């Protein structure tokens, strides 16, 4: 199932799928609740689609995790500046986002 031009309808999405690093979660949490919601959305779609680049649309991000459009763009800007995510696309379109993995494993 590819996220391109798809609207996912999962009633009551209360899960985050995919490998989760507690260190990544901690870094995202420093940027507030909107950043955590974006992190959950990306990790959930990565688990469902098995793709690294995730299209962050307004409909599903709001329905699933309550991430509004204005909050989404504020958070994307902050996270991109701190090199936690890579972004393809610009305002006016749903961006493709990838979480940047750490260079080396600590354990």
Protein backbone atom coordinates (compact mmCIF):
# COMPACT_ATOMS: atom_id res chain seq x y z
CA UNK A 1 0.00 0.00 0.00
CA UNK A 2 1.65 3.21 -1.12
CA UNK A 3 0.89 6.53 0.61
CA UNK A 4 0.79 8.36 -2.74
CA UNK A 5 -2.70 9.75 -3.33
CA UNK A 6 -4.24 7.42 -0.75
CA UNK A 7 -6.54 8.36 2.09
CA UNK A 8 -6.30 5.88 4.93
CA UNK A 9 -9.43 5.30 6.98
CA UNK A 10 -8.61 3.62 10.26
CA UNK A 11 -11.16 4.37 12.93
CA UNK A 12 -9.50 5.28 16.20
CA UNK A 13 -5.84 4.98 15.24
CA UNK A 14 -4.13 4.60 18.61
CA UNK A 15 -0.89 2.94 17.57
CA UNK A 16 2.62 3.74 16.50
CA UNK A 17 4.36 1.15 14.34
CA UNK A 18 7.93 0.71 13.26
CA UNK A 19 11.16 0.77 15.20
CA UNK A 20 11.21 3.56 17.76
CA UNK A 21 14.34 5.02 19.30
CA UNK A 22 13.79 6.50 22.74
CA UNK A 23 16.53 9.01 21.94
CA UNK A 24 14.71 10.18 18.80
CA UNK A 25 11.47 10.42 20.76
CA UNK A 26 13.22 12.53 23.41
CA UNK A 27 14.67 14.89 20.77
CA UNK A 28 11.25 15.34 19.15
CA UNK A 29 9.59 15.91 22.53
CA UNK A 30 11.84 18.94 23.11
CA UNK A 31 9.86 20.68 20.36
CA UNK A 32 6.45 20.17 21.95
CA UNK A 33 3.30 18.14 21.49
CA UNK A 34 3.00 18.93 17.77
CA UNK A 35 6.43 17.38 17.14
CA UNK A 36 5.43 14.23 19.03
CA UNK A 37 2.23 13.99 16.99
CA UNK A 38 4.23 14.35 13.76
CA UNK A 39 6.69 11.68 14.98
CA UNK A 40 3.82 9.29 15.73
CA UNK A 41 2.19 9.94 12.37
CA UNK A 42 5.43 9.29 10.46
CA UNK A 43 6.27 6.15 12.45
CA UNK A 44 2.73 4.80 12.04
CA UNK A 45 2.77 5.25 8.26
CA UNK A 46 6.29 3.80 8.06
CA UNK A 47 4.98 0.72 9.84
CA UNK A 48 1.96 0.44 7.57
CA UNK A 49 3.68 1.14 4.24
CA UNK A 50 7.31 0.08 4.92
CA UNK A 51 8.55 3.23 3.14
CA UNK A 52 11.12 5.72 4.47
CA UNK A 53 9.67 8.88 2.89
CA UNK A 54 6.18 9.61 4.22
CA UNK A 55 3.67 11.99 2.66
CA UNK A 56 2.24 14.11 5.50
CA UNK A 57 -1.22 15.16 4.40
CA UNK A 58 -3.58 17.38 6.37
CA UNK A 59 -6.58 15.03 6.50
CA UNK A 60 -5.05 11.92 8.03
CA UNK A 61 -2.57 13.73 10.27
CA UNK A 62 -5.48 15.65 11.82
CA UNK A 63 -7.88 12.69 11.98
CA UNK A 64 -5.37 10.28 13.47
CA UNK A 65 -3.29 12.45 15.81
CA UNK A 66 -4.90 15.91 15.92
CA UNK A 67 -2.05 17.62 14.04
CA UNK A 68 -3.48 20.78 12.48
CA UNK A 69 -2.11 22.29 9.28
CA UNK A 70 -0.60 25.38 10.91
CA UNK A 71 1.01 23.35 13.70
CA UNK A 72 2.34 20.86 11.16
CA UNK A 73 4.25 23.54 9.24
CA UNK A 74 5.61 25.22 12.40
CA UNK A 75 6.90 21.89 13.68
CA UNK A 76 8.34 20.87 10.30
CA UNK A 77 10.31 24.12 10.18
CA UNK A 78 11.71 23.65 13.72
CA UNK A 79 12.60 19.99 13.21
CA UNK A 80 14.25 20.68 9.85
CA UNK A 81 16.38 23.45 11.38
CA UNK A 82 17.56 21.03 14.10
CA UNK A 83 18.35 18.32 11.50
CA UNK A 84 15.87 15.80 12.90
CA UNK A 85 13.98 15.41 9.60
CA UNK A 86 14.54 15.79 5.87
CA UNK A 87 11.78 17.42 3.83
CA UNK A 88 10.91 17.25 0.14
CA UNK A 89 8.22 19.63 -1.02
CA UNK A 90 7.03 23.05 -0.04
CA UNK A 91 4.03 24.81 1.44
CA UNK A 92 0.88 24.30 -0.55
CA UNK A 93 1.58 20.61 -1.09
CA UNK A 94 1.80 17.65 1.23
CA UNK A 95 5.52 17.31 1.98
CA UNK A 96 7.47 14.07 1.95
CA UNK A 97 9.27 13.69 5.26
CA UNK A 98 11.93 11.28 6.47
CA UNK A 99 13.24 11.04 10.03
CA UNK A 100 17.02 11.29 10.06
CA UNK A 101 18.57 8.26 11.73
CA UNK A 102 21.61 8.68 13.94
CA UNK A 103 24.99 8.03 12.28
CA UNK A 104 26.06 5.35 14.75
CA UNK A 105 24.43 2.99 17.22
CA UNK A 106 25.14 3.80 20.84
CA UNK A 107 24.49 0.28 22.17
